[in-house]
């Protein structure tokens, strides 16, 4: 859903988008210059942070819920990895009240993976 961003400042928006990205499992410890440009492009397109967060979480859930019998995926190296899911959500928006569920699901799947790896 494209709408005016409640975060008016480009730098603030970029920092918030990158923070959401870096908090996910399987993402880098710090953003690249390319990640910053991707966030700036999302801002220029008027894509709100809730849409970005939904896309990041949905893509992470898909990765984390993959069958362990499949070969492992390589780590995520770029914010651009999530752009197809952003487009998916723009085409088929999720309600904002769905975000808490997505957050909890990523947390659950992420901790489950850590537990499995520690055993």
Protein backbone atom coordinates (compact mmCIF):
# COMPACT_ATOMS: atom_id res chain seq x y z
CA UNK A 1 0.00 0.00 0.00
CA UNK A 2 1.55 3.28 -1.05
CA UNK A 3 0.88 6.11 1.30
CA UNK A 4 2.56 9.16 2.70
CA UNK A 5 5.21 8.08 5.16
CA UNK A 6 4.71 9.20 8.75
CA UNK A 7 8.49 9.55 8.80
CA UNK A 8 9.05 12.69 6.72
CA UNK A 9 12.83 12.84 6.83
CA UNK A 10 14.77 10.72 4.33
CA UNK A 11 17.60 10.00 6.78
CA UNK A 12 15.20 8.97 9.54
CA UNK A 13 13.22 6.75 7.15
CA UNK A 14 16.40 5.15 5.77
CA UNK A 15 17.72 4.48 9.26
CA UNK A 16 14.40 2.93 10.32
CA UNK A 17 14.19 0.71 7.21
CA UNK A 18 17.78 -0.45 7.60
CA UNK A 19 17.25 -1.13 11.29
CA UNK A 20 14.26 -3.36 10.47
CA UNK A 21 16.40 -5.18 7.91
CA UNK A 22 19.41 -5.69 10.18
CA UNK A 23 17.29 -7.09 13.04
CA UNK A 24 16.28 -10.09 10.95
CA UNK A 25 17.96 -13.47 11.12
CA UNK A 26 20.39 -14.26 8.31
CA UNK A 27 21.11 -10.61 7.45
CA UNK A 28 24.43 -8.75 7.66
CA UNK A 29 25.64 -7.00 10.79
CA UNK A 30 25.79 -3.65 9.00
CA UNK A 31 24.18 -2.22 5.88
CA UNK A 32 26.00 -1.68 2.61
CA UNK A 33 25.87 1.45 0.52
CA UNK A 34 23.61 -0.48 -1.84
CA UNK A 35 21.23 -1.17 1.07
CA UNK A 36 21.09 2.56 1.79
CA UNK A 37 20.28 3.33 -1.84
CA UNK A 38 17.54 0.68 -1.82
CA UNK A 39 15.99 2.22 1.30
CA UNK A 40 16.18 5.68 -0.29
CA UNK A 41 14.42 4.34 -3.39
CA UNK A 42 11.65 2.87 -1.22
CA UNK A 43 11.28 6.27 0.44
CA UNK A 44 11.13 8.04 -2.93
CA UNK A 45 8.39 5.65 -4.00
CA UNK A 46 6.38 6.56 -0.89
CA UNK A 47 6.30 3.03 0.49
CA UNK A 48 5.48 3.18 4.17
CA UNK A 49 7.57 1.48 6.82
CA UNK A 50 4.75 -0.90 7.80
CA UNK A 51 4.75 -2.28 4.25
CA UNK A 52 8.52 -2.70 4.34
CA UNK A 53 8.41 -4.40 7.72
CA UNK A 54 5.64 -6.74 6.55
CA UNK A 55 7.69 -7.71 3.49
CA UNK A 56 10.85 -8.29 5.52
CA UNK A 57 9.02 -10.44 8.05
CA UNK A 58 7.08 -12.45 5.46
CA UNK A 59 10.21 -13.25 3.47
CA UNK A 60 12.03 -14.23 6.67
CA UNK A 61 9.18 -16.50 7.72
CA UNK A 62 9.28 -18.21 4.34
CA UNK A 63 13.00 -18.83 4.72
CA UNK A 64 12.87 -19.93 8.35
CA UNK A 65 9.89 -22.25 7.82
CA UNK A 66 11.57 -24.06 4.91
CA UNK A 67 11.89 -27.78 5.26
CA UNK A 68 15.16 -28.72 6.97
CA UNK A 69 15.47 -31.51 4.41
CA UNK A 70 16.12 -28.93 1.68
CA UNK A 71 19.64 -27.59 1.13
CA UNK A 72 20.33 -24.52 3.26
CA UNK A 73 19.94 -21.10 1.68
CA UNK A 74 22.83 -18.68 1.63
CA UNK A 75 22.63 -15.71 4.00
CA UNK A 76 20.77 -12.61 2.87
CA UNK A 77 23.30 -10.06 1.63
CA UNK A 78 21.10 -7.19 0.48
CA UNK A 79 17.94 -5.30 1.30
CA UNK A 80 17.12 -5.68 -2.39
CA UNK A 81 16.45 -9.38 -1.69
CA UNK A 82 13.11 -8.30 -0.19
CA UNK A 83 11.92 -6.10 -3.08
CA UNK A 84 9.79 -8.83 -4.74
CA UNK A 85 7.90 -9.30 -1.46
CA UNK A 86 7.45 -5.52 -1.15
CA UNK A 87 5.86 -5.60 -4.61
CA UNK A 88 3.71 -8.57 -3.59
CA UNK A 89 2.39 -6.65 -0.58
CA UNK A 90 1.78 -3.53 -2.65
CA UNK A 91 -0.37 -5.66 -4.94
CA UNK A 92 -2.04 -7.54 -2.10
CA UNK A 93 -1.75 -5.47 1.13
CA UNK A 94 -1.78 -7.07 4.55
CA UNK A 95 -3.65 -5.37 7.39
CA UNK A 96 -1.45 -3.38 9.80
CA UNK A 97 -2.80 -5.42 12.69
CA UNK A 98 -1.10 -8.46 11.10
CA UNK A 99 2.36 -7.11 11.97
CA UNK A 100 2.38 -8.36 15.58
CA UNK A 101 1.64 -11.88 14.33
CA UNK A 102 4.45 -11.69 11.76
CA UNK A 103 6.90 -10.41 14.39
CA UNK A 104 5.98 -13.20 16.79
CA UNK A 105 6.25 -15.83 14.05
CA UNK A 106 9.77 -14.71 13.07
CA UNK A 107 10.79 -14.69 16.72
CA UNK A 108 9.39 -18.18 17.21
CA UNK A 109 10.98 -19.64 14.09
CA UNK A 110 14.27 -17.87 14.72
CA UNK A 111 14.58 -19.16 18.29
CA UNK A 112 13.54 -22.65 17.16
CA UNK A 113 16.37 -22.64 14.64
CA UNK A 114 18.84 -21.54 17.30
CA UNK A 115 17.67 -24.31 19.61
CA UNK A 116 18.03 -26.92 16.87
CA UNK A 117 21.51 -25.69 16.02
CA UNK A 118 22.63 -25.73 19.66
CA UNK A 119 21.64 -29.36 20.20
